[in-house]
Amino acid sequence: MDDMAPTPNGSNSRSGTETVASGSGKNGSFPCESGPSATLAAREVTLADPAGASPDRPHCLDAALDYTKHGFSVILLHGIVDGHCTCGQPDCTSPGEHPIDSWKTAQTERASPEQLEAAFLRNPHANVGIVTGAVSGLVVVDIFGPYGLTSFSKIVDEPPNLPSVRTGNGHHVYGRYPGTALKNFVKTYPGLDGRADGGYVVAPPSRHASGKDYIWRTPLEDPLPELPAELLALFTSSGEQREPSPKRKSRRDDAGPLAGS
């Protein structure tokens, strides 16, 4: 998986703005980098910038504490320093993306803010991860590169208005856990992965091995919105992958233009 994961709202930090390119190959608007299928429209969103809170404070600490307010189970991941993973392995295959310690407990229990602060002070360069599934009430779809955008546009008729993150190589789309056990999926469609029970994602403002920071394109909401049925159909509670259900009728057919995010 790419790097399934933010600068959250509501933390005690300064605010910044980012000009975001959003668009889709069809009717809606969804964050994308570029491409012939995308109609780009500039929009500006105001995001919290935990990394700017204090130069002496760990880069991801304030974001991690904010995620706990959303009810997420948070873990520490190895970070990126001078282009290298802090695990110290020269042949690391998941730089900046793998947990520092065992995260088994985090799949059923959320760490307290005090525990997280102590852990980040011991590991000031750590990235931040969010455990998906029932423990966090969260499912995430990873849209990896141009293949992922193409697959995404084939599955949903119009891009949903959901919290989304720009990763090092694509986007994450966040949705509400539906309450029934869901397994992760990998490459059911080219460039698409999903994380639910037993998974985690890299979250903003973590640093990708490319040097880019993960950032929110569309901020978190409370409560989280549901994923469209077509995307939920990619997850499964059995060992077999299911084909997504047919596209729903576009809301543009019923009520005019979709409100862009």
C-alpha atoms as a PDB file:
ATOM      1  CA  MET A   1       0.000   0.000   0.000  1.00  0.00           C
ATOM      2  CA  ASP A   2       1.180   3.473  -0.764  1.00  0.00           C
ATOM      3  CA  ASP A   3       0.939   5.366   2.470  1.00  0.00           C
ATOM      4  CA  MET A   4      -2.602   5.146   3.462  1.00  0.00           C
ATOM      5  CA  ALA A   5      -3.269   9.182   5.499  1.00  0.00           C
ATOM      6  CA  PRO A   6      -3.142  15.141   7.593  1.00  0.00           C
ATOM      7  CA  THR A   7      -3.135  18.461   9.398  1.00  0.00           C
ATOM      8  CA  PRO A   8      -6.329  18.273  11.476  1.00  0.00           C
ATOM      9  CA  ASN A   9      -8.659  21.022  12.596  1.00  0.00           C
ATOM     10  CA  GLY A  10      -9.061  22.196  16.127  1.00  0.00           C
ATOM     11  CA  SER A  11      -5.525  21.839  17.464  1.00  0.00           C
ATOM     12  CA  ASN A  12      -3.835  24.581  19.440  1.00  0.00           C
ATOM     13  CA  SER A  13      -1.733  25.758  16.554  1.00  0.00           C
ATOM     14  CA  ARG A  14      -1.488  28.447  13.960  1.00  0.00           C
ATOM     15  CA  SER A  15      -3.564  28.323  10.804  1.00  0.00           C
ATOM     16  CA  GLY A  16      -2.327  28.317   7.239  1.00  0.00           C
ATOM     17  CA  THR A  17      -3.894  28.309   3.831  1.00  0.00           C
ATOM     18  CA  GLU A  18      -3.246  26.188   0.809  1.00  0.00           C
ATOM     19  CA  THR A  19      -4.401  26.636  -2.741  1.00  0.00           C
ATOM     20  CA  VAL A  20      -5.827  23.296  -3.727  1.00  0.00           C
ATOM     21  CA  ALA A  21      -6.334  22.003  -7.220  1.00  0.00           C
ATOM     22  CA  SER A  22      -9.528  20.015  -7.344  1.00  0.00           C
ATOM     23  CA  GLY A  23     -11.428  18.432 -10.126  1.00  0.00           C
ATOM     24  CA  SER A  24     -12.469  15.180 -11.700  1.00  0.00           C
ATOM     25  CA  GLY A  25     -12.791  13.521 -15.001  1.00  0.00           C
ATOM     26  CA  LYS A  26     -16.590  13.715 -14.707  1.00  0.00           C
ATOM     27  CA  ASN A  27     -19.145  15.753 -12.872  1.00  0.00           C
ATOM     28  CA  GLY A  28     -17.853  16.500  -9.410  1.00  0.00           C
ATOM     29  CA  SER A  29     -14.805  17.883  -7.723  1.00  0.00           C
ATOM     30  CA  PHE A  30     -12.111  15.784  -6.102  1.00  0.00           C
ATOM     31  CA  PRO A  31      -8.529  16.669  -5.220  1.00  0.00           C
ATOM     32  CA  CYS A  32      -6.112  15.655  -7.943  1.00  0.00           C
ATOM     33  CA  GLU A  33      -2.655  16.717  -9.039  1.00  0.00           C
ATOM     34  CA  SER A  34      -3.171  16.973 -12.788  1.00  0.00           C
ATOM     35  CA  GLY A  35      -4.239  14.978 -15.792  1.00  0.00           C
ATOM     36  CA  PRO A  36      -6.165  15.140 -19.039  1.00  0.00           C
ATOM     37  CA  SER A  37      -9.317  13.790 -17.384  1.00  0.00           C
ATOM     38  CA  ALA A  38      -9.351  16.455 -14.690  1.00  0.00           C
ATOM     39  CA  THR A  39     -11.104  19.804 -14.846  1.00  0.00           C
ATOM     40  CA  LEU A  40      -9.011  21.821 -12.451  1.00  0.00           C
ATOM     41  CA  ALA A  41     -10.571  24.449 -10.238  1.00  0.00           C
ATOM     42  CA  ALA A  42      -8.582  26.353  -7.653  1.00  0.00           C
ATOM     43  CA  ARG A  43     -10.003  26.631  -4.164  1.00  0.00           C
ATOM     44  CA  GLU A  44      -8.538  27.707  -0.869  1.00  0.00           C
ATOM     45  CA  VAL A  45      -9.036  25.893   2.398  1.00  0.00           C
ATOM     46  CA  THR A  46      -7.870  26.919   5.831  1.00  0.00           C
ATOM     47  CA  LEU A  47      -6.015  24.189   7.642  1.00  0.00           C
ATOM     48  CA  ALA A  48      -4.469  23.889  11.055  1.00  0.00           C
ATOM     49  CA  ASP A  49      -0.697  23.577  10.950  1.00  0.00           C
ATOM     50  CA  PRO A  50       0.426  21.576  13.988  1.00  0.00           C
ATOM     51  CA  ALA A  51       3.988  21.487  12.725  1.00  0.00           C
ATOM     52  CA  GLY A  52       4.195  25.238  13.155  1.00  0.00           C
ATOM     53  CA  ALA A  53       3.038  25.279  16.755  1.00  0.00           C
ATOM     54  CA  SER A  54       6.540  25.281  18.207  1.00  0.00           C
ATOM     55  CA  PRO A  55       9.986  24.528  16.757  1.00  0.00           C
ATOM     56  CA  ASP A  56      10.790  22.560  19.930  1.00  0.00           C
ATOM     57  CA  ARG A  57       7.710  20.384  19.701  1.00  0.00           C
ATOM     58  CA  PRO A  58       7.634  17.085  17.780  1.00  0.00           C
ATOM     59  CA  HIS A  59       6.366  17.632  14.255  1.00  0.00           C
ATOM     60  CA  CYS A  60       3.325  15.355  14.543  1.00  0.00           C
ATOM     61  CA  LEU A  61       2.449  15.612  18.238  1.00  0.00           C
ATOM     62  CA  ASP A  62      -0.301  18.215  18.056  1.00  0.00           C
ATOM     63  CA  ALA A  63      -1.911  16.412  15.134  1.00  0.00           C
ATOM     64  CA  ALA A  64      -1.792  13.129  17.055  1.00  0.00           C
ATOM     65  CA  LEU A  65      -3.494  14.726  20.057  1.00  0.00           C
ATOM     66  CA  ASP A  66      -6.144  16.236  17.813  1.00  0.00           C
ATOM     67  CA  TYR A  67      -6.879  12.857  16.246  1.00  0.00           C
ATOM     68  CA  THR A  68      -7.649  11.450  19.685  1.00  0.00           C
ATOM     69  CA  LYS A  69     -10.379  14.106  19.978  1.00  0.00           C
ATOM     70  CA  HIS A  70     -11.960  12.582  16.883  1.00  0.00           C
ATOM     71  CA  GLY A  71     -11.955   9.203  18.628  1.00  0.00           C
ATOM     72  CA  PHE A  72      -9.115   7.758  16.541  1.00  0.00           C
ATOM     73  CA  SER A  73      -6.587   5.206  17.730  1.00  0.00           C
ATOM     74  CA  VAL A  74      -3.184   6.780  17.088  1.00  0.00           C
ATOM     75  CA  ILE A  75       0.201   5.086  16.667  1.00  0.00           C
ATOM     76  CA  LEU A  76       3.740   6.306  16.066  1.00  0.00           C
ATOM     77  CA  LEU A  77       5.437   5.483  12.790  1.00  0.00           C
ATOM     78  CA  HIS A  78       9.066   5.839  11.869  1.00  0.00           C
ATOM     79  CA  GLY A  79       9.781   9.226  10.370  1.00  0.00           C
ATOM     80  CA  ILE A  80      11.967  10.589   7.599  1.00  0.00           C
ATOM     81  CA  VAL A  81      15.163  12.472   8.450  1.00  0.00           C
ATOM     82  CA  ASP A  82      17.549  13.610   5.725  1.00  0.00           C
ATOM     83  CA  GLY A  83      15.691  11.436   3.259  1.00  0.00           C
ATOM     84  CA  HIS A  84      16.077   8.242   5.286  1.00  0.00           C
ATOM     85  CA  CYS A  85      13.765   6.227   7.505  1.00  0.00           C
ATOM     86  CA  THR A  86      14.476   6.582  11.206  1.00  0.00           C
ATOM     87  CA  CYS A  87      14.427   2.776  11.544  1.00  0.00           C
ATOM     88  CA  GLY A  88      18.047   2.936  10.384  1.00  0.00           C
ATOM     89  CA  GLN A  89      17.737   0.111   7.859  1.00  0.00           C
ATOM     90  CA  PRO A  90      19.429   1.132   4.592  1.00  0.00           C
ATOM     91  CA  ASP A  91      17.164  -1.233   2.622  1.00  0.00           C
ATOM     92  CA  CYS A  92      13.921  -0.203   4.333  1.00  0.00           C
ATOM     93  CA  THR A  93      11.019  -1.008   2.010  1.00  0.00           C
ATOM     94  CA  SER A  94       8.463   1.208   3.807  1.00  0.00           C
ATOM     95  CA  PRO A  95      10.352   4.363   4.806  1.00  0.00           C
ATOM     96  CA  GLY A  96       8.316   6.607   7.069  1.00  0.00           C
ATOM     97  CA  GLU A  97       5.360   4.222   6.991  1.00  0.00           C
ATOM     98  CA  HIS A  98       5.930   1.392   9.466  1.00  0.00           C
ATOM     99  CA  PRO A  99       5.215   1.409  13.231  1.00  0.00           C
ATOM    100  CA  ILE A 100       7.974   2.111  15.728  1.00  0.00           C
ATOM    101  CA  ASP A 101       6.564  -0.422  18.210  1.00  0.00           C
ATOM    102  CA  SER A 102       3.995  -3.188  18.151  1.00  0.00           C
ATOM    103  CA  TRP A 103       0.554  -1.777  17.341  1.00  0.00           C
ATOM    104  CA  LYS A 104      -1.513  -4.856  18.199  1.00  0.00           C
ATOM    105  CA  THR A 105      -3.012  -3.248  21.308  1.00  0.00           C
ATOM    106  CA  ALA A 106      -3.912  -0.129  19.316  1.00  0.00           C
ATOM    107  CA  GLN A 107      -6.278  -2.223  17.188  1.00  0.00           C
ATOM    108  CA  THR A 108      -8.630  -2.568  20.153  1.00  0.00           C
ATOM    109  CA  GLU A 109      -7.572   0.177  22.614  1.00  0.00           C
ATOM    110  CA  ARG A 110      -6.858   3.864  22.057  1.00  0.00           C
ATOM    111  CA  ALA A 111      -3.766   5.424  23.623  1.00  0.00           C
ATOM    112  CA  SER A 112      -4.360   8.321  25.987  1.00  0.00           C
ATOM    113  CA  PRO A 113      -3.109  11.837  25.189  1.00  0.00           C
ATOM    114  CA  GLU A 114      -0.581  11.483  28.023  1.00  0.00           C
ATOM    115  CA  GLN A 115       0.784   8.257  26.556  1.00  0.00           C
ATOM    116  CA  LEU A 116       1.068   9.786  23.112  1.00  0.00           C
ATOM    117  CA  GLU A 117       2.809  12.914  24.342  1.00  0.00           C
ATOM    118  CA  ALA A 118       5.384  10.850  26.228  1.00  0.00           C
ATOM    119  CA  ALA A 119       5.943   8.622  23.196  1.00  0.00           C
ATOM    120  CA  PHE A 120       6.418  11.541  20.786  1.00  0.00           C
ATOM    121  CA  LEU A 121       8.823  13.251  23.170  1.00  0.00           C
ATOM    122  CA  ARG A 122      10.889  10.053  23.074  1.00  0.00           C
ATOM    123  CA  ASN A 123      10.587   9.946  19.266  1.00  0.00           C
ATOM    124  CA  PRO A 124      10.420  13.591  18.115  1.00  0.00           C
ATOM    125  CA  HIS A 125      10.862  12.753  14.409  1.00  0.00           C
ATOM    126  CA  ALA A 126       8.076  10.170  14.351  1.00  0.00           C
ATOM    127  CA  ASN A 127       5.318  10.217  11.789  1.00  0.00           C
ATOM    128  CA  VAL A 128       1.742   9.691  12.939  1.00  0.00           C
ATOM    129  CA  GLY A 129      -0.553   6.836  11.976  1.00  0.00           C
ATOM    130  CA  ILE A 130      -4.264   6.236  12.517  1.00  0.00           C
ATOM    131  CA  VAL A 131      -5.539   2.706  13.068  1.00  0.00           C
ATOM    132  CA  THR A 132      -8.581   2.052  10.903  1.00  0.00           C
ATOM    133  CA  GLY A 133     -11.598  -0.126  11.586  1.00  0.00           C
ATOM    134  CA  ALA A 134     -13.939  -0.401  14.543  1.00  0.00           C
ATOM    135  CA  VAL A 135     -11.496   1.021  17.105  1.00  0.00           C
ATOM    136  CA  SER A 136     -11.475   4.394  15.301  1.00  0.00           C
ATOM    137  CA  GLY A 137     -14.839   4.218  13.539  1.00  0.00           C
ATOM    138  CA  LEU A 138     -12.924   4.788  10.301  1.00  0.00           C
ATOM    139  CA  VAL A 139     -12.389   3.321   6.838  1.00  0.00           C
ATOM    140  CA  VAL A 140      -9.997   4.805   4.288  1.00  0.00           C
ATOM    141  CA  VAL A 141      -9.616   4.356   0.539  1.00  0.00           C
ATOM    142  CA  ASP A 142      -6.145   4.965  -0.893  1.00  0.00           C
ATOM    143  CA  ILE A 143      -6.096   6.366  -4.430  1.00  0.00           C
ATOM    144  CA  PHE A 144      -2.591   5.774  -5.722  1.00  0.00           C
ATOM    145  CA  GLY A 145      -1.349   7.737  -8.719  1.00  0.00           C
ATOM    146  CA  PRO A 146      -3.087   8.141 -12.093  1.00  0.00           C
ATOM    147  CA  TYR A 147      -4.203   4.487 -12.198  1.00  0.00           C
ATOM    148  CA  GLY A 148      -6.011   4.980  -8.915  1.00  0.00           C
ATOM    149  CA  LEU A 149      -7.771   8.106 -10.165  1.00  0.00           C
ATOM    150  CA  THR A 150      -8.883   6.247 -13.282  1.00  0.00           C
ATOM    151  CA  SER A 151     -10.187   3.322 -11.222  1.00  0.00           C
ATOM    152  CA  PHE A 152     -11.923   5.688  -8.817  1.00  0.00           C
ATOM    153  CA  SER A 153     -13.725   7.480 -11.651  1.00  0.00           C
ATOM    154  CA  LYS A 154     -14.977   4.142 -12.979  1.00  0.00           C
ATOM    155  CA  ILE A 155     -16.462   3.162  -9.624  1.00  0.00           C
ATOM    156  CA  VAL A 156     -18.141   6.383  -8.505  1.00  0.00           C
ATOM    157  CA  ASP A 157     -20.110   8.505 -10.936  1.00  0.00           C
ATOM    158  CA  GLU A 158     -19.059  11.713  -9.221  1.00  0.00           C
ATOM    159  CA  PRO A 159     -16.404  12.390  -6.586  1.00  0.00           C
ATOM    160  CA  PRO A 160     -17.913  12.356  -3.092  1.00  0.00           C
ATOM    161  CA  ASN A 161     -17.606  15.262  -0.696  1.00  0.00           C
ATOM    162  CA  LEU A 162     -15.478  13.465   1.904  1.00  0.00           C
ATOM    163  CA  PRO A 163     -12.476  14.313   4.099  1.00  0.00           C
ATOM    164  CA  SER A 164      -9.398  13.736   1.948  1.00  0.00           C
ATOM    165  CA  VAL A 165      -5.627  13.851   2.260  1.00  0.00           C
ATOM    166  CA  ARG A 166      -2.873  14.426  -0.263  1.00  0.00           C
ATOM    167  CA  THR A 167      -0.307  11.702   0.278  1.00  0.00           C
ATOM    168  CA  GLY A 168       3.134  11.357  -1.247  1.00  0.00           C
ATOM    169  CA  ASN A 169       1.727   9.666  -4.344  1.00  0.00           C
ATOM    170  CA  GLY A 170      -1.999  10.196  -4.368  1.00  0.00           C
ATOM    171  CA  HIS A 171      -4.936  10.696  -2.024  1.00  0.00           C
ATOM    172  CA  HIS A 172      -6.723   9.144   0.933  1.00  0.00           C
ATOM    173  CA  VAL A 173     -10.493   9.378   1.309  1.00  0.00           C
ATOM    174  CA  TYR A 174     -11.881   9.056   4.841  1.00  0.00           C
ATOM    175  CA  GLY A 175     -15.304   7.644   5.684  1.00  0.00           C
ATOM    176  CA  ARG A 176     -17.320   6.361   8.618  1.00  0.00           C
ATOM    177  CA  TYR A 177     -16.962   2.729   9.664  1.00  0.00           C
ATOM    178  CA  PRO A 178     -20.335   1.122   8.935  1.00  0.00           C
ATOM    179  CA  GLY A 179     -20.526  -0.943  12.131  1.00  0.00           C
ATOM    180  CA  THR A 180     -20.018  -4.357  10.522  1.00  0.00           C
ATOM    181  CA  ALA A 181     -16.616  -6.048  10.370  1.00  0.00           C
ATOM    182  CA  LEU A 182     -14.702  -5.110   7.221  1.00  0.00           C
ATOM    183  CA  LYS A 183     -11.387  -6.411   5.964  1.00  0.00           C
ATOM    184  CA  ASN A 184      -8.760  -4.464   4.065  1.00  0.00           C
ATOM    185  CA  PHE A 185      -8.605  -4.758   0.292  1.00  0.00           C
ATOM    186  CA  VAL A 186      -5.592  -4.453  -1.987  1.00  0.00           C
ATOM    187  CA  LYS A 187      -5.612  -3.743  -5.715  1.00  0.00           C
ATOM    188  CA  THR A 188      -9.140  -4.986  -6.377  1.00  0.00           C
ATOM    189  CA  TYR A 189      -8.888  -2.226  -8.947  1.00  0.00           C
ATOM    190  CA  PRO A 190      -5.545  -0.829 -10.176  1.00  0.00           C
ATOM    191  CA  GLY A 191      -4.247   1.871  -7.852  1.00  0.00           C
ATOM    192  CA  LEU A 192      -6.910   1.398  -5.148  1.00  0.00           C
ATOM    193  CA  ASP A 193      -6.362   0.010  -1.650  1.00  0.00           C
ATOM    194  CA  GLY A 194      -8.620   0.085   1.382  1.00  0.00           C
ATOM    195  CA  ARG A 195      -7.964   0.002   5.110  1.00  0.00           C
ATOM    196  CA  ALA A 196     -10.515  -1.099   7.702  1.00  0.00           C
ATOM    197  CA  ASP A 197     -10.191  -3.648  10.545  1.00  0.00           C
ATOM    198  CA  GLY A 198      -6.572  -4.633  11.032  1.00  0.00           C
ATOM    199  CA  GLY A 199      -5.164  -1.721   9.058  1.00  0.00           C
ATOM    200  CA  TYR A 200      -3.709   1.746   9.534  1.00  0.00           C
ATOM    201  CA  VAL A 201      -2.900   4.802   7.453  1.00  0.00           C
ATOM    202  CA  VAL A 202      -0.150   7.387   7.530  1.00  0.00           C
ATOM    203  CA  ALA A 203      -1.742  10.680   8.554  1.00  0.00           C
ATOM    204  CA  PRO A 204      -0.836  14.375   8.189  1.00  0.00           C
ATOM    205  CA  PRO A 205       1.444  16.118   8.825  1.00  0.00           C
ATOM    206  CA  SER A 206       3.687  13.055   8.419  1.00  0.00           C
ATOM    207  CA  ARG A 207       6.581  13.303   5.995  1.00  0.00           C
ATOM    208  CA  HIS A 208       6.695  11.030   2.968  1.00  0.00           C
ATOM    209  CA  ALA A 209       9.970   9.581   1.697  1.00  0.00           C
ATOM    210  CA  SER A 210       9.628  11.917  -1.306  1.00  0.00           C
ATOM    211  CA  GLY A 211      10.002  14.882   1.061  1.00  0.00           C
ATOM    212  CA  LYS A 212       6.349  15.917   0.769  1.00  0.00           C
ATOM    213  CA  ASP A 213       4.207  16.311   3.860  1.00  0.00           C
ATOM    214  CA  TYR A 214       0.821  14.657   4.014  1.00  0.00           C
ATOM    215  CA  ILE A 215      -1.789  17.413   4.098  1.00  0.00           C
ATOM    216  CA  TRP A 216      -5.550  17.661   4.402  1.00  0.00           C
ATOM    217  CA  ARG A 217      -7.239  18.696   1.183  1.00  0.00           C
ATOM    218  CA  THR A 218     -10.730  18.505   2.660  1.00  0.00           C
ATOM    219  CA  PRO A 219     -10.681  18.673   6.493  1.00  0.00           C
ATOM    220  CA  LEU A 220     -12.075  16.123   8.925  1.00  0.00           C
ATOM    221  CA  GLU A 221     -15.720  16.311   9.935  1.00  0.00           C
ATOM    222  CA  ASP A 222     -17.511  15.114  13.064  1.00  0.00           C
ATOM    223  CA  PRO A 223     -19.269  12.845  12.564  1.00  0.00           C
ATOM    224  CA  LEU A 224     -17.493  11.373   9.581  1.00  0.00           C
ATOM    225  CA  PRO A 225     -19.677  11.005   6.484  1.00  0.00           C
ATOM    226  CA  GLU A 226     -20.386   7.575   5.070  1.00  0.00           C
ATOM    227  CA  LEU A 227     -18.511   6.294   2.038  1.00  0.00           C
ATOM    228  CA  PRO A 228     -20.644   5.842  -1.080  1.00  0.00           C
ATOM    229  CA  ALA A 229     -22.038   2.317  -1.400  1.00  0.00           C
ATOM    230  CA  GLU A 230     -19.815   1.700  -4.437  1.00  0.00           C
ATOM    231  CA  LEU A 231     -16.683   2.241  -2.333  1.00  0.00           C
ATOM    232  CA  LEU A 232     -17.929   0.271   0.676  1.00  0.00           C
ATOM    233  CA  ALA A 233     -18.564  -2.639  -1.698  1.00  0.00           C
ATOM    234  CA  LEU A 234     -14.802  -2.866  -2.266  1.00  0.00           C
ATOM    235  CA  PHE A 235     -14.358  -3.917   1.358  1.00  0.00           C
ATOM    236  CA  THR A 236     -15.432  -7.360   2.434  1.00  0.00           C
ATOM    237  CA  SER A 237     -16.100  -9.268   5.643  1.00  0.00           C
ATOM    238  CA  SER A 238     -15.123 -12.578   4.016  1.00  0.00           C
ATOM    239  CA  GLY A 239     -11.987 -13.883   2.384  1.00  0.00           C
ATOM    240  CA  GLU A 240     -13.270 -13.098  -1.108  1.00  0.00           C
ATOM    241  CA  GLN A 241     -13.184  -9.705  -2.767  1.00  0.00           C
ATOM    242  CA  ARG A 242     -16.521  -8.429  -4.053  1.00  0.00           C
ATOM    243  CA  GLU A 243     -17.150  -6.498  -7.217  1.00  0.00           C
ATOM    244  CA  PRO A 244     -18.490  -2.996  -6.534  1.00  0.00           C
ATOM    245  CA  SER A 245     -22.184  -2.406  -7.035  1.00  0.00           C
ATOM    246  CA  PRO A 246     -23.285  -0.508 -10.159  1.00  0.00           C
ATOM    247  CA  LYS A 247     -22.962   3.246 -10.156  1.00  0.00           C
ATOM    248  CA  ARG A 248     -25.766   5.156  -8.573  1.00  0.00           C
ATOM    249  CA  LYS A 249     -27.722   7.678 -10.555  1.00  0.00           C
ATOM    250  CA  SER A 250     -25.862  10.960 -10.466  1.00  0.00           C
ATOM    251  CA  ARG A 251     -27.290  13.560  -8.156  1.00  0.00           C
ATOM    252  CA  ARG A 252     -26.758  16.019 -10.975  1.00  0.00           C
ATOM    253  CA  ASP A 253     -29.598  14.232 -12.762  1.00  0.00           C
ATOM    254  CA  ASP A 254     -31.920  15.035  -9.868  1.00  0.00           C
ATOM    255  CA  ALA A 255     -30.918  18.277  -8.258  1.00  0.00           C
ATOM    256  CA  GLY A 256     -28.595  20.235 -10.462  1.00  0.00           C
ATOM    257  CA  PRO A 257     -24.850  20.698  -9.828  1.00  0.00           C
ATOM    258  CA  LEU A 258     -23.300  18.861  -6.928  1.00  0.00           C
ATOM    259  CA  ALA A 259     -21.995  21.172  -4.200  1.00  0.00           C
ATOM    260  CA  GLY A 260     -18.217  21.008  -4.543  1.00  0.00           C
ATOM    261  CA  SER A 261     -15.896  20.462  -1.610  1.00  0.00           C
END
